[in-house]
Amino acid sequence: MSRMQIIEILQTSQACEITSDIVQRVQTERKNLEKLKESIQNLVDVDVFDKVYGAVQRLKKIEDNFDEGT
């Protein structure tokens, strides 16, 4: 095996390791983004629930005031 072949094999091996590392990092970041997306969705769901609940409470109060007036 010539010196150039050995260098080529080492470079290929190193490139494979780097590529593998990049793939692992991308997969980790995808998982992190998915978790972030779920967290944001949960926050949005809670915010929407709070707004709807608040609106229902205001409507009940208006209804109670209306019932008291009649």
PDB file of N, CA and C in Angstrom:
ATOM      1  N   MET A   1       0.857  -1.171   0.000  1.00  0.00           N
ATOM      2  CA  MET A   1       0.000   0.000   0.000  1.00  0.00           C
ATOM      3  C   MET A   1       0.903   1.234   0.000  1.00  0.00           C
ATOM      4  N   SER A   2       0.614   2.120  -0.884  1.00  0.00           N
ATOM      5  CA  SER A   2       1.456   3.307  -1.001  1.00  0.00           C
ATOM      6  C   SER A   2       1.071   4.343   0.060  1.00  0.00           C
ATOM      7  N   ARG A   3       1.956   5.265   0.218  1.00  0.00           N
ATOM      8  CA  ARG A   3       1.739   6.345   1.189  1.00  0.00           C
ATOM      9  C   ARG A   3       0.477   7.139   0.839  1.00  0.00           C
ATOM     10  N   MET A   4       0.256   7.395  -0.437  1.00  0.00           N
ATOM     11  CA  MET A   4      -0.913   8.155  -0.890  1.00  0.00           C
ATOM     12  C   MET A   4      -2.207   7.401  -0.585  1.00  0.00           C
ATOM     13  N   GLN A   5      -2.178   6.072  -0.753  1.00  0.00           N
ATOM     14  CA  GLN A   5      -3.364   5.272  -0.463  1.00  0.00           C
ATOM     15  C   GLN A   5      -3.696   5.330   1.032  1.00  0.00           C
ATOM     16  N   ILE A   6      -2.668   5.261   1.851  1.00  0.00           N
ATOM     17  CA  ILE A   6      -2.867   5.337   3.305  1.00  0.00           C
ATOM     18  C   ILE A   6      -3.449   6.692   3.684  1.00  0.00           C
ATOM     19  N   ILE A   7      -2.901   7.752   3.106  1.00  0.00           N
ATOM     20  CA  ILE A   7      -3.411   9.104   3.378  1.00  0.00           C
ATOM     21  C   ILE A   7      -4.866   9.212   2.940  1.00  0.00           C
ATOM     22  N   GLU A   8      -5.171   8.660   1.775  1.00  0.00           N
ATOM     23  CA  GLU A   8      -6.545   8.702   1.258  1.00  0.00           C
ATOM     24  C   GLU A   8      -7.501   7.939   2.187  1.00  0.00           C
ATOM     25  N   ILE A   9      -7.074   6.785   2.664  1.00  0.00           N
ATOM     26  CA  ILE A   9      -7.898   5.993   3.588  1.00  0.00           C
ATOM     27  C   ILE A   9      -8.123   6.761   4.889  1.00  0.00           C
ATOM     28  N   LEU A  10      -7.064   7.365   5.408  1.00  0.00           N
ATOM     29  CA  LEU A  10      -7.188   8.139   6.648  1.00  0.00           C
ATOM     30  C   LEU A  10      -8.123   9.334   6.462  1.00  0.00           C
ATOM     31  N   GLN A  11      -7.996  10.017   5.336  1.00  0.00           N
ATOM     32  CA  GLN A  11      -8.867  11.162   5.066  1.00  0.00           C
ATOM     33  C   GLN A  11     -10.322  10.716   4.928  1.00  0.00           C
ATOM     34  N   THR A  12     -10.535   9.599   4.262  1.00  0.00           N
ATOM     35  CA  THR A  12     -11.892   9.069   4.102  1.00  0.00           C
ATOM     36  C   THR A  12     -12.468   8.681   5.454  1.00  0.00           C
ATOM     37  N   SER A  13     -11.652   8.036   6.266  1.00  0.00           N
ATOM     38  CA  SER A  13     -12.089   7.635   7.605  1.00  0.00           C
ATOM     39  C   SER A  13     -12.439   8.855   8.447  1.00  0.00           C
ATOM     40  N   GLN A  14     -11.591   9.866   8.371  1.00  0.00           N
ATOM     41  CA  GLN A  14     -11.832  11.098   9.118  1.00  0.00           C
ATOM     42  C   GLN A  14     -13.100  11.786   8.615  1.00  0.00           C
ATOM     43  N   ALA A  15     -13.299  11.797   7.315  1.00  0.00           N
ATOM     44  CA  ALA A  15     -14.504  12.404   6.742  1.00  0.00           C
ATOM     45  C   ALA A  15     -15.750  11.655   7.204  1.00  0.00           C
ATOM     46  N   CYS A  16     -15.657  10.335   7.286  1.00  0.00           N
ATOM     47  CA  CYS A  16     -16.797   9.534   7.764  1.00  0.00           C
ATOM     48  C   CYS A  16     -17.117   9.858   9.223  1.00  0.00           C
ATOM     49  N   GLU A  17     -16.092  10.001  10.041  1.00  0.00           N
ATOM     50  CA  GLU A  17     -16.300  10.347  11.450  1.00  0.00           C
ATOM     51  C   GLU A  17     -16.957  11.721  11.577  1.00  0.00           C
ATOM     52  N   ILE A  18     -16.480  12.672  10.803  1.00  0.00           N
ATOM     53  CA  ILE A  18     -17.042  14.024  10.830  1.00  0.00           C
ATOM     54  C   ILE A  18     -18.493  13.994  10.370  1.00  0.00           C
ATOM     55  N   THR A  19     -18.755  13.254   9.294  1.00  0.00           N
ATOM     56  CA  THR A  19     -20.124  13.143   8.783  1.00  0.00           C
ATOM     57  C   THR A  19     -21.031  12.497   9.818  1.00  0.00           C
ATOM     58  N   SER A  20     -20.551  11.453  10.454  1.00  0.00           N
ATOM     59  CA  SER A  20     -21.330  10.770  11.491  1.00  0.00           C
ATOM     60  C   SER A  20     -21.634  11.719  12.647  1.00  0.00           C
ATOM     61  N   ASP A  21     -20.648  12.504  13.041  1.00  0.00           N
ATOM     62  CA  ASP A  21     -20.837  13.480  14.115  1.00  0.00           C
ATOM     63  C   ASP A  21     -21.882  14.522  13.722  1.00  0.00           C
ATOM     64  N   ILE A  22     -21.813  14.983  12.490  1.00  0.00           N
ATOM     65  CA  ILE A  22     -22.786  15.978  12.002  1.00  0.00           C
ATOM     66  C   ILE A  22     -24.188  15.382  12.004  1.00  0.00           C
ATOM     67  N   VAL A  23     -24.316  14.146  11.545  1.00  0.00           N
ATOM     68  CA  VAL A  23     -25.626  13.479  11.521  1.00  0.00           C
ATOM     69  C   VAL A  23     -26.178  13.368  12.939  1.00  0.00           C
ATOM     70  N   GLN A  24     -25.349  12.989  13.896  1.00  0.00           N
ATOM     71  CA  GLN A  24     -25.793  12.883  15.290  1.00  0.00           C
ATOM     72  C   GLN A  24     -26.238  14.240  15.828  1.00  0.00           C
ATOM     73  N   ARG A  25     -25.483  15.273  15.512  1.00  0.00           N
ATOM     74  CA  ARG A  25     -25.850  16.615  15.977  1.00  0.00           C
ATOM     75  C   ARG A  25     -27.176  17.068  15.369  1.00  0.00           C
ATOM     76  N   VAL A  26     -27.359  16.797  14.078  1.00  0.00           N
ATOM     77  CA  VAL A  26     -28.610  17.168  13.408  1.00  0.00           C
ATOM     78  C   VAL A  26     -29.779  16.426  14.042  1.00  0.00           C
ATOM     79  N   GLN A  27     -29.609  15.141  14.308  1.00  0.00           N
ATOM     80  CA  GLN A  27     -30.675  14.359  14.938  1.00  0.00           C
ATOM     81  C   GLN A  27     -31.002  14.904  16.327  1.00  0.00           C
ATOM     82  N   THR A  28     -29.975  15.253  17.081  1.00  0.00           N
ATOM     83  CA  THR A  28     -30.187  15.822  18.415  1.00  0.00           C
ATOM     84  C   THR A  28     -30.927  17.145  18.315  1.00  0.00           C
ATOM     85  N   GLU A  29     -30.522  17.989  17.371  1.00  0.00           N
ATOM     86  CA  GLU A  29     -31.186  19.284  17.201  1.00  0.00           C
ATOM     87  C   GLU A  29     -32.629  19.114  16.749  1.00  0.00           C
ATOM     88  N   ARG A  30     -32.888  18.120  15.910  1.00  0.00           N
ATOM     89  CA  ARG A  30     -34.275  17.847  15.498  1.00  0.00           C
ATOM     90  C   ARG A  30     -35.122  17.472  16.704  1.00  0.00           C
ATOM     91  N   LYS A  31     -34.570  16.619  17.570  1.00  0.00           N
ATOM     92  CA  LYS A  31     -35.294  16.226  18.786  1.00  0.00           C
ATOM     93  C   LYS A  31     -35.537  17.448  19.670  1.00  0.00           C
ATOM     94  N   ASN A  32     -34.514  18.285  19.813  1.00  0.00           N
ATOM     95  CA  ASN A  32     -34.659  19.497  20.627  1.00  0.00           C
ATOM     96  C   ASN A  32     -35.715  20.428  20.045  1.00  0.00           C
ATOM     97  N   LEU A  33     -35.721  20.574  18.725  1.00  0.00           N
ATOM     98  CA  LEU A  33     -36.720  21.425  18.072  1.00  0.00           C
ATOM     99  C   LEU A  33     -38.124  20.858  18.253  1.00  0.00           C
ATOM    100  N   GLU A  34     -38.250  19.545  18.195  1.00  0.00           N
ATOM    101  CA  GLU A  34     -39.556  18.907  18.391  1.00  0.00           C
ATOM    102  C   GLU A  34     -40.047  19.155  19.822  1.00  0.00           C
ATOM    103  N   LYS A  35     -39.134  19.037  20.792  1.00  0.00           N
ATOM    104  CA  LYS A  35     -39.503  19.313  22.190  1.00  0.00           C
ATOM    105  C   LYS A  35     -39.911  20.775  22.354  1.00  0.00           C
ATOM    106  N   LEU A  36     -39.162  21.672  21.714  1.00  0.00           N
ATOM    107  CA  LEU A  36     -39.479  23.096  21.778  1.00  0.00           C
ATOM    108  C   LEU A  36     -40.840  23.365  21.150  1.00  0.00           C
ATOM    109  N   LYS A  37     -41.094  22.727  20.020  1.00  0.00           N
ATOM    110  CA  LYS A  37     -42.387  22.878  19.343  1.00  0.00           C
ATOM    111  C   LYS A  37     -43.524  22.424  20.261  1.00  0.00           C
ATOM    112  N   GLU A  38     -43.341  21.282  20.928  1.00  0.00           N
ATOM    113  CA  GLU A  38     -44.360  20.780  21.853  1.00  0.00           C
ATOM    114  C   GLU A  38     -44.554  21.747  23.021  1.00  0.00           C
ATOM    115  N   SER A  39     -43.457  22.282  23.545  1.00  0.00           N
ATOM    116  CA  SER A  39     -43.549  23.231  24.655  1.00  0.00           C
ATOM    117  C   SER A  39     -44.305  24.483  24.240  1.00  0.00           C
ATOM    118  N   ILE A  40     -43.990  24.988  23.049  1.00  0.00           N
ATOM    119  CA  ILE A  40     -44.678  26.181  22.545  1.00  0.00           C
ATOM    120  C   ILE A  40     -46.156  25.879  22.347  1.00  0.00           C
ATOM    121  N   GLN A  41     -46.461  24.705  21.797  1.00  0.00           N
ATOM    122  CA  GLN A  41     -47.860  24.329  21.581  1.00  0.00           C
ATOM    123  C   GLN A  41     -48.595  24.242  22.909  1.00  0.00           C
ATOM    124  N   ASN A  42     -47.937  23.685  23.925  1.00  0.00           N
ATOM    125  CA  ASN A  42     -48.553  23.602  25.252  1.00  0.00           C
ATOM    126  C   ASN A  42     -48.815  24.992  25.817  1.00  0.00           C
ATOM    127  N   LEU A  43     -47.860  25.903  25.619  1.00  0.00           N
ATOM    128  CA  LEU A  43     -48.049  27.276  26.094  1.00  0.00           C
ATOM    129  C   LEU A  43     -49.206  27.939  25.365  1.00  0.00           C
ATOM    130  N   VAL A  44     -49.276  27.731  24.057  1.00  0.00           N
ATOM    131  CA  VAL A  44     -50.369  28.303  23.265  1.00  0.00           C
ATOM    132  C   VAL A  44     -51.693  27.723  23.731  1.00  0.00           C
ATOM    133  N   ASP A  45     -51.726  26.400  23.944  1.00  0.00           N
ATOM    134  CA  ASP A  45     -52.950  25.751  24.407  1.00  0.00           C
ATOM    135  C   ASP A  45     -53.392  26.326  25.746  1.00  0.00           C
ATOM    136  N   VAL A  46     -52.447  26.521  26.662  1.00  0.00           N
ATOM    137  CA  VAL A  46     -52.770  27.077  27.976  1.00  0.00           C
ATOM    138  C   VAL A  46     -53.267  28.508  27.825  1.00  0.00           C
ATOM    139  N   ASP A  47     -52.610  29.296  26.978  1.00  0.00           N
ATOM    140  CA  ASP A  47     -53.013  30.684  26.762  1.00  0.00           C
ATOM    141  C   ASP A  47     -54.419  30.748  26.171  1.00  0.00           C
ATOM    142  N   VAL A  48     -54.683  29.917  25.178  1.00  0.00           N
ATOM    143  CA  VAL A  48     -56.014  29.887  24.561  1.00  0.00           C
ATOM    144  C   VAL A  48     -57.045  29.454  25.594  1.00  0.00           C
ATOM    145  N   PHE A  49     -56.724  28.431  26.375  1.00  0.00           N
ATOM    146  CA  PHE A  49     -57.646  27.968  27.411  1.00  0.00           C
ATOM    147  C   PHE A  49     -57.941  29.097  28.397  1.00  0.00           C
ATOM    148  N   ASP A  50     -56.884  29.783  28.840  1.00  0.00           N
ATOM    149  CA  ASP A  50     -57.073  30.890  29.785  1.00  0.00           C
ATOM    150  C   ASP A  50     -57.977  31.965  29.198  1.00  0.00           C
ATOM    151  N   LYS A  51     -57.778  32.297  27.936  1.00  0.00           N
ATOM    152  CA  LYS A  51     -58.601  33.329  27.298  1.00  0.00           C
ATOM    153  C   LYS A  51     -60.049  32.877  27.174  1.00  0.00           C
ATOM    154  N   VAL A  52     -60.256  31.630  26.753  1.00  0.00           N
ATOM    155  CA  VAL A  52     -61.620  31.109  26.621  1.00  0.00           C
ATOM    156  C   VAL A  52     -62.280  31.030  27.992  1.00  0.00           C
ATOM    157  N   TYR A  53     -61.556  30.536  28.975  1.00  0.00           N
ATOM    158  CA  TYR A  53     -62.099  30.429  30.332  1.00  0.00           C
ATOM    159  C   TYR A  53     -62.476  31.815  30.859  1.00  0.00           C
ATOM    160  N   GLY A  54     -61.595  32.783  30.643  1.00  0.00           N
ATOM    161  CA  GLY A  54     -61.876  34.153  31.076  1.00  0.00           C
ATOM    162  C   GLY A  54     -63.105  34.712  30.379  1.00  0.00           C
ATOM    163  N   ALA A  55     -63.235  34.448  29.093  1.00  0.00           N
ATOM    164  CA  ALA A  55     -64.401  34.928  28.345  1.00  0.00           C
ATOM    165  C   ALA A  55     -65.676  34.278  28.869  1.00  0.00           C
ATOM    166  N   VAL A  56     -65.623  32.989  29.152  1.00  0.00           N
ATOM    167  CA  VAL A  56     -66.794  32.285  29.702  1.00  0.00           C
ATOM    168  C   VAL A  56     -67.164  32.872  31.058  1.00  0.00           C
ATOM    169  N   GLN A  57     -66.173  33.155  31.880  1.00  0.00           N
ATOM    170  CA  GLN A  57     -66.455  33.735  33.196  1.00  0.00           C
ATOM    171  C   GLN A  57     -67.107  35.110  33.051  1.00  0.00           C
ATOM    172  N   ARG A  58     -66.621  35.907  32.111  1.00  0.00           N
ATOM    173  CA  ARG A  58     -67.225  37.225  31.889  1.00  0.00           C
ATOM    174  C   ARG A  58     -68.662  37.088  31.396  1.00  0.00           C
ATOM    175  N   LEU A  59     -68.895  36.126  30.512  1.00  0.00           N
ATOM    176  CA  LEU A  59     -70.260  35.893  30.025  1.00  0.00           C
ATOM    177  C   LEU A  59     -71.182  35.445  31.159  1.00  0.00           C
ATOM    178  N   LYS A  60     -70.676  34.592  32.032  1.00  0.00           N
ATOM    179  CA  LYS A  60     -71.484  34.151  33.182  1.00  0.00           C
ATOM    180  C   LYS A  60     -71.823  35.340  34.076  1.00  0.00           C
ATOM    181  N   LYS A  61     -70.842  36.215  34.270  1.00  0.00           N
ATOM    182  CA  LYS A  61     -71.062  37.390  35.110  1.00  0.00           C
ATOM    183  C   LYS A  61     -72.121  38.295  34.476  1.00  0.00           C
ATOM    184  N   ILE A  62     -72.026  38.499  33.171  1.00  0.00           N
ATOM    185  CA  ILE A  62     -73.019  39.313  32.457  1.00  0.00           C
ATOM    186  C   ILE A  62     -74.393  38.662  32.574  1.00  0.00           C
ATOM    187  N   GLU A  63     -74.430  37.345  32.401  1.00  0.00           N
ATOM    188  CA  GLU A  63     -75.695  36.616  32.500  1.00  0.00           C
ATOM    189  C   GLU A  63     -76.278  36.745  33.908  1.00  0.00           C
ATOM    190  N   ASP A  64     -75.424  36.607  34.925  1.00  0.00           N
ATOM    191  CA  ASP A  64     -75.885  36.743  36.314  1.00  0.00           C
ATOM    192  C   ASP A  64     -76.427  38.146  36.562  1.00  0.00           C
ATOM    193  N   ASN A  65     -75.709  39.155  36.060  1.00  0.00           N
ATOM    194  CA  ASN A  65     -76.165  40.538  36.229  1.00  0.00           C
ATOM    195  C   ASN A  65     -77.491  40.756  35.506  1.00  0.00           C
ATOM    196  N   PHE A  66     -77.634  40.156  34.338  1.00  0.00           N
ATOM    197  CA  PHE A  66     -78.873  40.277  33.576  1.00  0.00           C
ATOM    198  C   PHE A  66     -80.017  39.603  34.333  1.00  0.00           C
ATOM    199  N   ASP A  67     -79.752  38.414  34.885  1.00  0.00           N
ATOM    200  CA  ASP A  67     -80.777  37.687  35.641  1.00  0.00           C
ATOM    201  C   ASP A  67     -81.200  38.469  36.881  1.00  0.00           C
ATOM    202  N   GLU A  68     -80.246  39.128  37.524  1.00  0.00           N
ATOM    203  CA  GLU A  68     -80.573  39.919  38.713  1.00  0.00           C
ATOM    204  C   GLU A  68     -81.421  41.128  38.341  1.00  0.00           C
ATOM    205  N   GLY A  69     -81.229  41.647  37.151  1.00  0.00           N
ATOM    206  CA  GLY A  69     -81.956  42.833  36.703  1.00  0.00           C
ATOM    207  C   GLY A  69     -83.372  42.526  36.264  1.00  0.00           C
ATOM    208  N   THR A  70     -83.679  41.264  35.998  1.00  0.00           N
ATOM    209  CA  THR A  70     -85.037  40.930  35.525  1.00  0.00           C
ATOM    210  C   THR A  70     -85.904  40.399  36.620  1.00  0.00           C
TER     211      THR A  70
END
